């Protein structure tokens, strides 16, 4: 199993509702040919300096990741809803232990 972790730093002045709208679009995403479990949420503000939100996506294998990553609707959400609200995105994909 592959876990994709994305952390985003939100631009100053972006309303929490706008962040939530982008995250909800990802939660609602369905991709033909790729099964995945996606969780997304805004930071609770328990520690200063944290990222503004996190997205985790668990996928069965690399092929499913590639299908998910290349999906047109996924890329539309990235371009239209996420890119305008972030100043930085960090990501990592790693294999979960069996």
PDB file of N, CA and C in Angstrom:
ATOM      1  N   UNK A   1       0.846  -1.177   0.000  1.00  0.00           N
ATOM      2  CA  UNK A   1       0.000   0.000   0.000  1.00  0.00           C
ATOM      3  C   UNK A   1       0.891   1.240   0.000  1.00  0.00           C
ATOM      4  N   UNK A   2       0.483   2.238  -0.761  1.00  0.00           N
ATOM      5  CA  UNK A   2       1.189   3.510  -0.880  1.00  0.00           C
ATOM      6  C   UNK A   2       0.378   4.582  -0.146  1.00  0.00           C
ATOM      7  N   UNK A   3       1.075   5.382   0.648  1.00  0.00           N
ATOM      8  CA  UNK A   3       0.422   6.542   1.275  1.00  0.00           C
ATOM      9  C   UNK A   3       1.033   7.795   0.684  1.00  0.00           C
ATOM     10  N   UNK A   4       0.171   8.669   0.207  1.00  0.00           N
ATOM     11  CA  UNK A   4       0.535   9.981  -0.310  1.00  0.00           C
ATOM     12  C   UNK A   4       0.138  10.996   0.760  1.00  0.00           C
ATOM     13  N   UNK A   5       1.107  11.802   1.200  1.00  0.00           N
ATOM     14  CA  UNK A   5       0.839  12.826   2.207  1.00  0.00           C
ATOM     15  C   UNK A   5       1.157  14.175   1.590  1.00  0.00           C
ATOM     16  N   UNK A   6       0.201  15.099   1.681  1.00  0.00           N
ATOM     17  CA  UNK A   6       0.357  16.446   1.142  1.00  0.00           C
ATOM     18  C   UNK A   6       0.076  17.427   2.268  1.00  0.00           C
ATOM     19  N   UNK A   7       1.011  18.356   2.490  1.00  0.00           N
ATOM     20  CA  UNK A   7       0.798  19.413   3.471  1.00  0.00           C
ATOM     21  C   UNK A   7       0.902  20.749   2.756  1.00  0.00           C
ATOM     22  N   UNK A   8      -0.052  21.628   3.041  1.00  0.00           N
ATOM     23  CA  UNK A   8      -0.069  22.920   2.379  1.00  0.00           C
ATOM     24  C   UNK A   8      -0.025  24.072   3.351  1.00  0.00           C
ATOM     25  N   UNK A   9       0.745  25.077   3.004  1.00  0.00           N
ATOM     26  CA  UNK A   9       0.766  26.340   3.751  1.00  0.00           C
ATOM     27  C   UNK A   9      -0.133  27.318   2.997  1.00  0.00           C
ATOM     28  N   UNK A  10      -1.105  27.831   3.690  1.00  0.00           N
ATOM     29  CA  UNK A  10      -2.128  28.681   3.087  1.00  0.00           C
ATOM     30  C   UNK A  10      -1.633  30.125   3.023  1.00  0.00           C
ATOM     31  N   UNK A  11      -1.937  30.791   1.923  1.00  0.00           N
ATOM     32  CA  UNK A  11      -1.571  32.211   1.763  1.00  0.00           C
ATOM     33  C   UNK A  11      -2.292  33.059   2.807  1.00  0.00           C
ATOM     34  N   UNK A  12      -1.644  34.128   3.228  1.00  0.00           N
ATOM     35  CA  UNK A  12      -2.285  35.076   4.139  1.00  0.00           C
ATOM     36  C   UNK A  12      -3.557  35.623   3.505  1.00  0.00           C
ATOM     37  N   UNK A  13      -4.581  35.769   4.312  1.00  0.00           N
ATOM     38  CA  UNK A  13      -5.830  36.356   3.850  1.00  0.00           C
ATOM     39  C   UNK A  13      -6.825  35.383   3.249  1.00  0.00           C
ATOM     40  N   UNK A  14      -6.459  34.121   3.106  1.00  0.00           N
ATOM     41  CA  UNK A  14      -7.383  33.132   2.558  1.00  0.00           C
ATOM     42  C   UNK A  14      -8.344  32.704   3.659  1.00  0.00           C
ATOM     43  N   UNK A  15      -9.635  32.773   3.370  1.00  0.00           N
ATOM     44  CA  UNK A  15     -10.663  32.419   4.355  1.00  0.00           C
ATOM     45  C   UNK A  15     -10.684  30.916   4.604  1.00  0.00           C
ATOM     46  N   UNK A  16     -10.921  30.498   5.847  1.00  0.00           N
ATOM     47  CA  UNK A  16     -11.031  29.067   6.148  1.00  0.00           C
ATOM     48  C   UNK A  16     -12.056  28.357   5.276  1.00  0.00           C
ATOM     49  N   UNK A  17     -13.128  29.056   4.910  1.00  0.00           N
ATOM     50  CA  UNK A  17     -14.161  28.460   4.066  1.00  0.00           C
ATOM     51  C   UNK A  17     -13.620  28.111   2.682  1.00  0.00           C
ATOM     52  N   UNK A  18     -12.697  28.910   2.187  1.00  0.00           N
ATOM     53  CA  UNK A  18     -12.112  28.630   0.874  1.00  0.00           C
ATOM     54  C   UNK A  18     -11.221  27.393   0.941  1.00  0.00           C
ATOM     55  N   UNK A  19     -10.490  27.242   2.035  1.00  0.00           N
ATOM     56  CA  UNK A  19      -9.669  26.045   2.224  1.00  0.00           C
ATOM     57  C   UNK A  19     -10.582  24.821   2.318  1.00  0.00           C
ATOM     58  N   UNK A  20     -11.641  24.947   3.097  1.00  0.00           N
ATOM     59  CA  UNK A  20     -12.565  23.828   3.268  1.00  0.00           C
ATOM     60  C   UNK A  20     -13.222  23.438   1.953  1.00  0.00           C
ATOM     61  N   UNK A  21     -13.545  24.401   1.115  1.00  0.00           N
ATOM     62  CA  UNK A  21     -14.141  24.112  -0.194  1.00  0.00           C
ATOM     63  C   UNK A  21     -13.188  23.263  -1.041  1.00  0.00           C
ATOM     64  N   UNK A  22     -11.914  23.614  -1.049  1.00  0.00           N
ATOM     65  CA  UNK A  22     -10.932  22.853  -1.820  1.00  0.00           C
ATOM     66  C   UNK A  22     -10.782  21.437  -1.269  1.00  0.00           C
ATOM     67  N   UNK A  23     -10.712  21.319   0.059  1.00  0.00           N
ATOM     68  CA  UNK A  23     -10.572  20.005   0.669  1.00  0.00           C
ATOM     69  C   UNK A  23     -11.802  19.141   0.434  1.00  0.00           C
ATOM     70  N   UNK A  24     -12.987  19.745   0.478  1.00  0.00           N
ATOM     71  CA  UNK A  24     -14.207  18.975   0.233  1.00  0.00           C
ATOM     72  C   UNK A  24     -14.261  18.477  -1.204  1.00  0.00           C
ATOM     73  N   UNK A  25     -13.780  19.275  -2.131  1.00  0.00           N
ATOM     74  CA  UNK A  25     -13.740  18.825  -3.527  1.00  0.00           C
ATOM     75  C   UNK A  25     -12.874  17.572  -3.649  1.00  0.00           C
ATOM     76  N   UNK A  26     -11.768  17.533  -2.916  1.00  0.00           N
ATOM     77  CA  UNK A  26     -10.924  16.332  -2.934  1.00  0.00           C
ATOM     78  C   UNK A  26     -11.614  15.162  -2.240  1.00  0.00           C
ATOM     79  N   UNK A  27     -12.283  15.422  -1.129  1.00  0.00           N
ATOM     80  CA  UNK A  27     -13.000  14.343  -0.432  1.00  0.00           C
ATOM     81  C   UNK A  27     -14.071  13.722  -1.330  1.00  0.00           C
ATOM     82  N   UNK A  28     -14.666  14.535  -2.189  1.00  0.00           N
ATOM     83  CA  UNK A  28     -15.729  14.070  -3.081  1.00  0.00           C
ATOM     84  C   UNK A  28     -15.199  13.423  -4.363  1.00  0.00           C
ATOM     85  N   UNK A  29     -13.900  13.525  -4.593  1.00  0.00           N
ATOM     86  CA  UNK A  29     -13.291  13.037  -5.836  1.00  0.00           C
ATOM     87  C   UNK A  29     -13.419  11.524  -5.976  1.00  0.00           C
ATOM     88  N   UNK A  30     -13.814  11.087  -7.149  1.00  0.00           N
ATOM     89  CA  UNK A  30     -13.812   9.678  -7.536  1.00  0.00           C
ATOM     90  C   UNK A  30     -13.016   9.579  -8.829  1.00  0.00           C
ATOM     91  N   UNK A  31     -12.158   8.582  -8.913  1.00  0.00           N
ATOM     92  CA  UNK A  31     -11.282   8.427 -10.077  1.00  0.00           C
ATOM     93  C   UNK A  31     -11.504   7.044 -10.668  1.00  0.00           C
ATOM     94  N   UNK A  32     -11.927   7.002 -11.922  1.00  0.00           N
ATOM     95  CA  UNK A  32     -12.093   5.717 -12.610  1.00  0.00           C
ATOM     96  C   UNK A  32     -10.753   4.995 -12.674  1.00  0.00           C
ATOM     97  N   UNK A  33     -10.758   3.726 -12.271  1.00  0.00           N
ATOM     98  CA  UNK A  33      -9.566   2.907 -12.367  1.00  0.00           C
ATOM     99  C   UNK A  33      -8.630   2.972 -11.176  1.00  0.00           C
ATOM    100  N   UNK A  34      -8.997   3.750 -10.153  1.00  0.00           N
ATOM    101  CA  UNK A  34      -8.128   3.847  -8.970  1.00  0.00           C
ATOM    102  C   UNK A  34      -8.978   3.828  -7.704  1.00  0.00           C
ATOM    103  N   UNK A  35      -8.723   2.843  -6.870  1.00  0.00           N
ATOM    104  CA  UNK A  35      -9.351   2.815  -5.555  1.00  0.00           C
ATOM    105  C   UNK A  35      -8.417   3.523  -4.586  1.00  0.00           C
ATOM    106  N   UNK A  36      -8.985   4.345  -3.715  1.00  0.00           N
ATOM    107  CA  UNK A  36      -8.154   5.037  -2.733  1.00  0.00           C
ATOM    108  C   UNK A  36      -9.021   5.495  -1.565  1.00  0.00           C
ATOM    109  N   UNK A  37      -8.341   5.765  -0.467  1.00  0.00           N
ATOM    110  CA  UNK A  37      -8.978   6.294   0.735  1.00  0.00           C
ATOM    111  C   UNK A  37      -8.328   7.638   1.022  1.00  0.00           C
ATOM    112  N   UNK A  38      -9.100   8.716   0.902  1.00  0.00           N
ATOM    113  CA  UNK A  38      -8.578  10.062   1.054  1.00  0.00           C
ATOM    114  C   UNK A  38      -9.155  10.702   2.310  1.00  0.00           C
ATOM    115  N   UNK A  39      -8.279  11.265   3.117  1.00  0.00           N
ATOM    116  CA  UNK A  39      -8.668  12.056   4.277  1.00  0.00           C
ATOM    117  C   UNK A  39      -8.045  13.432   4.121  1.00  0.00           C
ATOM    118  N   UNK A  40      -8.768  14.476   4.504  1.00  0.00           N
ATOM    119  CA  UNK A  40      -8.245  15.832   4.376  1.00  0.00           C
ATOM    120  C   UNK A  40      -8.820  16.691   5.487  1.00  0.00           C
ATOM    121  N   UNK A  41      -7.977  17.565   6.029  1.00  0.00           N
ATOM    122  CA  UNK A  41      -8.459  18.453   7.079  1.00  0.00           C
ATOM    123  C   UNK A  41      -7.551  19.647   7.281  1.00  0.00           C
ATOM    124  N   UNK A  42      -8.142  20.685   7.890  1.00  0.00           N
ATOM    125  CA  UNK A  42      -7.388  21.888   8.226  1.00  0.00           C
ATOM    126  C   UNK A  42      -6.685  21.693   9.569  1.00  0.00           C
ATOM    127  N   UNK A  43      -5.564  22.363   9.731  1.00  0.00           N
ATOM    128  CA  UNK A  43      -4.811  22.302  10.973  1.00  0.00           C
ATOM    129  C   UNK A  43      -5.642  22.865  12.123  1.00  0.00           C
ATOM    130  N   UNK A  44      -5.517  22.250  13.277  1.00  0.00           N
ATOM    131  CA  UNK A  44      -6.259  22.689  14.469  1.00  0.00           C
ATOM    132  C   UNK A  44      -5.609  23.868  15.176  1.00  0.00           C
ATOM    133  N   UNK A  45      -4.408  24.232  14.772  1.00  0.00           N
ATOM    134  CA  UNK A  45      -3.743  25.369  15.385  1.00  0.00           C
ATOM    135  C   UNK A  45      -3.191  25.076  16.773  1.00  0.00           C
ATOM    136  N   UNK A  46      -2.889  23.832  17.051  1.00  0.00           N
ATOM    137  CA  UNK A  46      -2.393  23.457  18.376  1.00  0.00           C
ATOM    138  C   UNK A  46      -0.917  23.797  18.565  1.00  0.00           C
ATOM    139  N   UNK A  47      -0.227  24.040  17.471  1.00  0.00           N
ATOM    140  CA  UNK A  47       1.188  24.392  17.550  1.00  0.00           C
ATOM    141  C   UNK A  47       1.503  25.424  16.481  1.00  0.00           C
ATOM    142  N   UNK A  48       2.220  26.464  16.862  1.00  0.00           N
ATOM    143  CA  UNK A  48       2.583  27.522  15.931  1.00  0.00           C
ATOM    144  C   UNK A  48       3.521  26.991  14.846  1.00  0.00           C
ATOM    145  N   UNK A  49       3.323  27.475  13.629  1.00  0.00           N
ATOM    146  CA  UNK A  49       4.199  27.112  12.528  1.00  0.00           C
ATOM    147  C   UNK A  49       3.754  25.902  11.730  1.00  0.00           C
ATOM    148  N   UNK A  50       2.646  25.288  12.114  1.00  0.00           N
ATOM    149  CA  UNK A  50       2.157  24.126  11.376  1.00  0.00           C
ATOM    150  C   UNK A  50       1.699  24.521   9.975  1.00  0.00           C
ATOM    151  N   UNK A  51       1.622  23.514   9.112  1.00  0.00           N
ATOM    152  CA  UNK A  51       0.994  23.699   7.807  1.00  0.00           C
ATOM    153  C   UNK A  51      -0.482  24.008   8.030  1.00  0.00           C
ATOM    154  N   UNK A  52      -1.146  24.525   7.022  1.00  0.00           N
ATOM    155  CA  UNK A  52      -2.548  24.904   7.136  1.00  0.00           C
ATOM    156  C   UNK A  52      -3.520  23.760   6.931  1.00  0.00           C
ATOM    157  N   UNK A  53      -3.088  22.754   6.164  1.00  0.00           N
ATOM    158  CA  UNK A  53      -3.955  21.598   5.928  1.00  0.00           C
ATOM    159  C   UNK A  53      -3.111  20.397   5.553  1.00  0.00           C
ATOM    160  N   UNK A  54      -3.738  19.236   5.643  1.00  0.00           N
ATOM    161  CA  UNK A  54      -3.091  17.990   5.243  1.00  0.00           C
ATOM    162  C   UNK A  54      -4.080  17.148   4.450  1.00  0.00           C
ATOM    163  N   UNK A  55      -3.543  16.398   3.507  1.00  0.00           N
ATOM    164  CA  UNK A  55      -4.311  15.436   2.730  1.00  0.00           C
ATOM    165  C   UNK A  55      -3.521  14.132   2.780  1.00  0.00           C
ATOM    166  N   UNK A  56      -4.184  13.038   3.129  1.00  0.00           N
ATOM    167  CA  UNK A  56      -3.547  11.722   3.026  1.00  0.00           C
ATOM    168  C   UNK A  56      -4.390  10.870   2.092  1.00  0.00           C
ATOM    169  N   UNK A  57      -3.700  10.145   1.236  1.00  0.00           N
ATOM    170  CA  UNK A  57      -4.377   9.267   0.287  1.00  0.00           C
ATOM    171  C   UNK A  57      -3.686   7.913   0.327  1.00  0.00           C
ATOM    172  N   UNK A  58      -4.442   6.883   0.667  1.00  0.00           N
ATOM    173  CA  UNK A  58      -3.918   5.516   0.661  1.00  0.00           C
ATOM    174  C   UNK A  58      -4.395   4.820  -0.607  1.00  0.00           C
ATOM    175  N   UNK A  59      -3.435   4.259  -1.331  1.00  0.00           N
ATOM    176  CA  UNK A  59      -3.705   3.593  -2.605  1.00  0.00           C
ATOM    177  C   UNK A  59      -3.039   2.224  -2.585  1.00  0.00           C
ATOM    178  N   UNK A  60      -3.591   1.253  -3.313  1.00  0.00           N
ATOM    179  CA  UNK A  60      -3.049  -0.103  -3.243  1.00  0.00           C
ATOM    180  C   UNK A  60      -1.640  -0.261  -3.809  1.00  0.00           C
ATOM    181  N   UNK A  61      -1.282   0.548  -4.819  1.00  0.00           N
ATOM    182  CA  UNK A  61       0.022   0.361  -5.456  1.00  0.00           C
ATOM    183  C   UNK A  61       0.395   1.591  -6.274  1.00  0.00           C
ATOM    184  N   UNK A  62       1.586   1.545  -6.873  1.00  0.00           N
ATOM    185  CA  UNK A  62       2.090   2.672  -7.646  1.00  0.00           C
ATOM    186  C   UNK A  62       1.217   2.984  -8.858  1.00  0.00           C
ATOM    187  N   UNK A  63       0.692   1.952  -9.495  1.00  0.00           N
ATOM    188  CA  UNK A  63      -0.163   2.169 -10.668  1.00  0.00           C
ATOM    189  C   UNK A  63      -1.404   2.960 -10.287  1.00  0.00           C
ATOM    190  N   UNK A  64      -2.027   2.615  -9.177  1.00  0.00           N
ATOM    191  CA  UNK A  64      -3.194   3.368  -8.710  1.00  0.00           C
ATOM    192  C   UNK A  64      -2.812   4.809  -8.413  1.00  0.00           C
ATOM    193  N   UNK A  65      -1.627   5.010  -7.824  1.00  0.00           N
ATOM    194  CA  UNK A  65      -1.163   6.381  -7.557  1.00  0.00           C
ATOM    195  C   UNK A  65      -1.036   7.162  -8.859  1.00  0.00           C
ATOM    196  N   UNK A  66      -0.440   6.546  -9.855  1.00  0.00           N
ATOM    197  CA  UNK A  66      -0.243   7.248 -11.137  1.00  0.00           C
ATOM    198  C   UNK A  66      -1.579   7.614 -11.788  1.00  0.00           C
ATOM    199  N   UNK A  67      -2.555   6.710 -11.707  1.00  0.00           N
ATOM    200  CA  UNK A  67      -3.882   6.994 -12.262  1.00  0.00           C
ATOM    201  C   UNK A  67      -4.525   8.153 -11.496  1.00  0.00           C
ATOM    202  N   UNK A  68      -4.470   8.088 -10.175  1.00  0.00           N
ATOM    203  CA  UNK A  68      -5.011   9.158  -9.326  1.00  0.00           C
ATOM    204  C   UNK A  68      -4.322  10.487  -9.629  1.00  0.00           C
ATOM    205  N   UNK A  69      -2.997  10.465  -9.710  1.00  0.00           N
ATOM    206  CA  UNK A  69      -2.216  11.684  -9.910  1.00  0.00           C
ATOM    207  C   UNK A  69      -2.495  12.336 -11.264  1.00  0.00           C
ATOM    208  N   UNK A  70      -2.790  11.542 -12.272  1.00  0.00           N
ATOM    209  CA  UNK A  70      -3.000  12.061 -13.624  1.00  0.00           C
ATOM    210  C   UNK A  70      -4.464  12.367 -13.937  1.00  0.00           C
ATOM    211  N   UNK A  71      -5.369  12.059 -13.029  1.00  0.00           N
ATOM    212  CA  UNK A  71      -6.800  12.230 -13.294  1.00  0.00           C
ATOM    213  C   UNK A  71      -7.136  13.688 -13.622  1.00  0.00           C
ATOM    214  N   UNK A  72      -7.893  13.937 -14.690  1.00  0.00           N
ATOM    215  CA  UNK A  72      -8.220  15.306 -15.085  1.00  0.00           C
ATOM    216  C   UNK A  72      -8.979  16.102 -14.015  1.00  0.00           C
ATOM    217  N   UNK A  73      -9.935  15.495 -13.337  1.00  0.00           N
ATOM    218  CA  UNK A  73     -10.677  16.218 -12.305  1.00  0.00           C
ATOM    219  C   UNK A  73      -9.780  16.530 -11.109  1.00  0.00           C
ATOM    220  N   UNK A  74      -8.934  15.591 -10.747  1.00  0.00           N
ATOM    221  CA  UNK A  74      -7.964  15.824  -9.669  1.00  0.00           C
ATOM    222  C   UNK A  74      -7.077  17.016 -10.028  1.00  0.00           C
ATOM    223  N   UNK A  75      -6.592  17.051 -11.244  1.00  0.00           N
ATOM    224  CA  UNK A  75      -5.727  18.151 -11.667  1.00  0.00           C
ATOM    225  C   UNK A  75      -6.478  19.469 -11.799  1.00  0.00           C
ATOM    226  N   UNK A  76      -7.756  19.425 -12.134  1.00  0.00           N
ATOM    227  CA  UNK A  76      -8.564  20.653 -12.148  1.00  0.00           C
ATOM    228  C   UNK A  76      -8.686  21.210 -10.729  1.00  0.00           C
ATOM    229  N   UNK A  77      -8.968  20.338  -9.760  1.00  0.00           N
ATOM    230  CA  UNK A  77      -9.076  20.774  -8.369  1.00  0.00           C
ATOM    231  C   UNK A  77      -7.759  21.387  -7.917  1.00  0.00           C
ATOM    232  N   UNK A  78      -6.660  20.743  -8.241  1.00  0.00           N
ATOM    233  CA  UNK A  78      -5.337  21.295  -7.901  1.00  0.00           C
ATOM    234  C   UNK A  78      -5.157  22.695  -8.479  1.00  0.00           C
ATOM    235  N   UNK A  79      -5.438  22.825  -9.764  1.00  0.00           N
ATOM    236  CA  UNK A  79      -5.173  24.090 -10.467  1.00  0.00           C
ATOM    237  C   UNK A  79      -6.134  25.198 -10.064  1.00  0.00           C
ATOM    238  N   UNK A  80      -7.419  24.873  -9.941  1.00  0.00           N
ATOM    239  CA  UNK A  80      -8.429  25.912  -9.730  1.00  0.00           C
ATOM    240  C   UNK A  80      -8.750  26.192  -8.264  1.00  0.00           C
ATOM    241  N   UNK A  81      -8.633  25.196  -7.406  1.00  0.00           N
ATOM    242  CA  UNK A  81      -9.044  25.388  -6.013  1.00  0.00           C
ATOM    243  C   UNK A  81      -7.879  25.413  -5.028  1.00  0.00           C
ATOM    244  N   UNK A  82      -6.842  24.639  -5.293  1.00  0.00           N
ATOM    245  CA  UNK A  82      -5.745  24.566  -4.332  1.00  0.00           C
ATOM    246  C   UNK A  82      -4.622  25.550  -4.667  1.00  0.00           C
ATOM    247  N   UNK A  83      -4.167  25.573  -5.896  1.00  0.00           N
ATOM    248  CA  UNK A  83      -3.045  26.448  -6.257  1.00  0.00           C
ATOM    249  C   UNK A  83      -3.271  27.914  -5.873  1.00  0.00           C
ATOM    250  N   UNK A  84      -4.466  28.465  -6.074  1.00  0.00           N
ATOM    251  CA  UNK A  84      -4.655  29.876  -5.734  1.00  0.00           C
ATOM    252  C   UNK A  84      -4.597  30.190  -4.231  1.00  0.00           C
ATOM    253  N   UNK A  85      -4.742  29.180  -3.378  1.00  0.00           N
ATOM    254  CA  UNK A  85      -4.817  29.464  -1.940  1.00  0.00           C
ATOM    255  C   UNK A  85      -3.544  29.100  -1.180  1.00  0.00           C
ATOM    256  N   UNK A  86      -2.577  28.462  -1.847  1.00  0.00           N
ATOM    257  CA  UNK A  86      -1.388  28.011  -1.131  1.00  0.00           C
ATOM    258  C   UNK A  86      -0.155  28.804  -1.530  1.00  0.00           C
ATOM    259  N   UNK A  87       0.748  28.944  -0.559  1.00  0.00           N
ATOM    260  CA  UNK A  87       2.054  29.510  -0.868  1.00  0.00           C
ATOM    261  C   UNK A  87       3.098  28.414  -1.016  1.00  0.00           C
ATOM    262  N   UNK A  88       2.795  27.240  -0.444  1.00  0.00           N
ATOM    263  CA  UNK A  88       3.734  26.122  -0.539  1.00  0.00           C
ATOM    264  C   UNK A  88       3.002  24.801  -0.327  1.00  0.00           C
ATOM    265  N   UNK A  89       3.433  23.798  -1.085  1.00  0.00           N
ATOM    266  CA  UNK A  89       2.937  22.423  -0.927  1.00  0.00           C
ATOM    267  C   UNK A  89       4.149  21.517  -0.738  1.00  0.00           C
ATOM    268  N   UNK A  90       4.061  20.632   0.242  1.00  0.00           N
ATOM    269  CA  UNK A  90       5.067  19.581   0.424  1.00  0.00           C
ATOM    270  C   UNK A  90       4.353  18.250   0.308  1.00  0.00           C
ATOM    271  N   UNK A  91       5.002  17.278  -0.356  1.00  0.00           N
ATOM    272  CA  UNK A  91       4.402  15.958  -0.521  1.00  0.00           C
ATOM    273  C   UNK A  91       5.436  14.869  -0.326  1.00  0.00           C
ATOM    274  N   UNK A  92       4.932  13.726   0.026  1.00  0.00           N
ATOM    275  CA  UNK A  92       5.762  12.524   0.096  1.00  0.00           C
ATOM    276  C   UNK A  92       4.864  11.326  -0.165  1.00  0.00           C
ATOM    277  N   UNK A  93       5.407  10.344  -0.875  1.00  0.00           N
ATOM    278  CA  UNK A  93       4.730   9.071  -1.070  1.00  0.00           C
ATOM    279  C   UNK A  93       5.643   8.011  -0.458  1.00  0.00           C
ATOM    280  N   UNK A  94       5.047   7.119   0.332  1.00  0.00           N
ATOM    281  CA  UNK A  94       5.846   6.053   0.914  1.00  0.00           C
ATOM    282  C   UNK A  94       5.014   4.783   1.022  1.00  0.00           C
ATOM    283  N   UNK A  95       5.733   3.674   1.133  1.00  0.00           N
ATOM    284  CA  UNK A  95       5.072   2.378   1.224  1.00  0.00           C
ATOM    285  C   UNK A  95       4.746   2.087   2.700  1.00  0.00           C
ATOM    286  N   UNK A  96       3.510   1.703   2.947  1.00  0.00           N
ATOM    287  CA  UNK A  96       3.102   1.314   4.289  1.00  0.00           C
ATOM    288  C   UNK A  96       3.560  -0.120   4.565  1.00  0.00           C
ATOM    289  N   UNK A  97       3.962  -0.403   5.799  1.00  0.00           N
ATOM    290  CA  UNK A  97       4.338  -1.791   6.117  1.00  0.00           C
ATOM    291  C   UNK A  97       3.148  -2.717   5.960  1.00  0.00           C
ATOM    292  N   UNK A  98       3.423  -3.937   5.595  1.00  0.00           N
ATOM    293  CA  UNK A  98       2.342  -4.921   5.375  1.00  0.00           C
ATOM    294  C   UNK A  98       1.630  -5.246   6.671  1.00  0.00           C
TER     295      UNK A  98
END
